[in-house]
Amino acid sequence: MLEITVYTVPNCADCEAVGRLLTSQGAAFTEKNVREDAAALAGNP
């Protein structure tokens, strides 16, 4: 199965819109806030 990871920052309207779209389509995804997760910012899962 496809793994979806959405990299976000706080107060990002586009990030929130992507999350809403994926949720409305029933897609499971992981959200990573790059401001709080240094590994995500570096591109490491």
C-alpha atoms as a PDB file:
ATOM      1  CA  MET A   1       0.000   0.000   0.000  1.00  0.00           C
ATOM      2  CA  LEU A   2       1.123   3.545  -0.726  1.00  0.00           C
ATOM      3  CA  GLU A   3       2.488   5.527   2.224  1.00  0.00           C
ATOM      4  CA  ILE A   4       1.642   9.216   2.180  1.00  0.00           C
ATOM      5  CA  THR A   5       3.601  11.702   4.268  1.00  0.00           C
ATOM      6  CA  VAL A   6       2.560  15.347   4.351  1.00  0.00           C
ATOM      7  CA  TYR A   7       5.266  17.743   5.510  1.00  0.00           C
ATOM      8  CA  THR A   8       3.711  20.774   7.168  1.00  0.00           C
ATOM      9  CA  VAL A   9       4.449  24.015   8.981  1.00  0.00           C
ATOM     10  CA  PRO A  10       2.157  25.751  11.472  1.00  0.00           C
ATOM     11  CA  ASN A  11      -0.537  28.043  10.081  1.00  0.00           C
ATOM     12  CA  CYS A  12      -0.081  26.835   6.500  1.00  0.00           C
ATOM     13  CA  ALA A  13      -3.377  27.037   4.619  1.00  0.00           C
ATOM     14  CA  ASP A  14      -2.093  24.836   1.792  1.00  0.00           C
ATOM     15  CA  CYS A  15      -0.882  22.174   4.237  1.00  0.00           C
ATOM     16  CA  GLU A  16      -4.276  22.152   5.946  1.00  0.00           C
ATOM     17  CA  ALA A  17      -6.056  21.939   2.579  1.00  0.00           C
ATOM     18  CA  VAL A  18      -3.991  18.899   1.581  1.00  0.00           C
ATOM     19  CA  GLY A  19      -4.852  17.213   4.882  1.00  0.00           C
ATOM     20  CA  ARG A  20      -8.560  17.929   4.394  1.00  0.00           C
ATOM     21  CA  LEU A  21      -8.463  16.606   0.832  1.00  0.00           C
ATOM     22  CA  LEU A  22      -6.719  13.379   1.818  1.00  0.00           C
ATOM     23  CA  THR A  23      -9.105  12.877   4.730  1.00  0.00           C
ATOM     24  CA  SER A  24     -12.174  13.502   2.554  1.00  0.00           C
ATOM     25  CA  GLN A  25     -10.910  10.870   0.119  1.00  0.00           C
ATOM     26  CA  GLY A  26     -10.347   8.368   2.924  1.00  0.00           C
ATOM     27  CA  ALA A  27      -6.579   8.292   2.407  1.00  0.00           C
ATOM     28  CA  ALA A  28      -4.405   7.442   5.384  1.00  0.00           C
ATOM     29  CA  PHE A  29      -1.432   9.759   5.801  1.00  0.00           C
ATOM     30  CA  THR A  30       1.213  10.797   8.277  1.00  0.00           C
ATOM     31  CA  GLU A  31       1.690  14.467   9.022  1.00  0.00           C
ATOM     32  CA  LYS A  32       5.153  15.740   9.961  1.00  0.00           C
ATOM     33  CA  ASN A  33       5.644  19.281  11.194  1.00  0.00           C
ATOM     34  CA  VAL A  34       9.080  20.336   9.937  1.00  0.00           C
ATOM     35  CA  ARG A  35       9.325  23.115  12.525  1.00  0.00           C
ATOM     36  CA  GLU A  36       9.037  20.595  15.380  1.00  0.00           C
ATOM     37  CA  ASP A  37      10.747  17.568  13.807  1.00  0.00           C
ATOM     38  CA  ALA A  38      14.364  18.165  12.778  1.00  0.00           C
ATOM     39  CA  ALA A  39      14.569  14.756  11.064  1.00  0.00           C
ATOM     40  CA  ALA A  40      11.563  15.616   8.884  1.00  0.00           C
ATOM     41  CA  LEU A  41      13.133  18.934   7.932  1.00  0.00           C
ATOM     42  CA  ALA A  42      16.287  17.105   6.872  1.00  0.00           C
ATOM     43  CA  GLY A  43      14.206  14.731   4.744  1.00  0.00           C
ATOM     44  CA  ASN A  44      14.727  11.712   7.003  1.00  0.00           C
ATOM     45  CA  PRO A  45      11.555   9.771   7.826  1.00  0.00           C
END
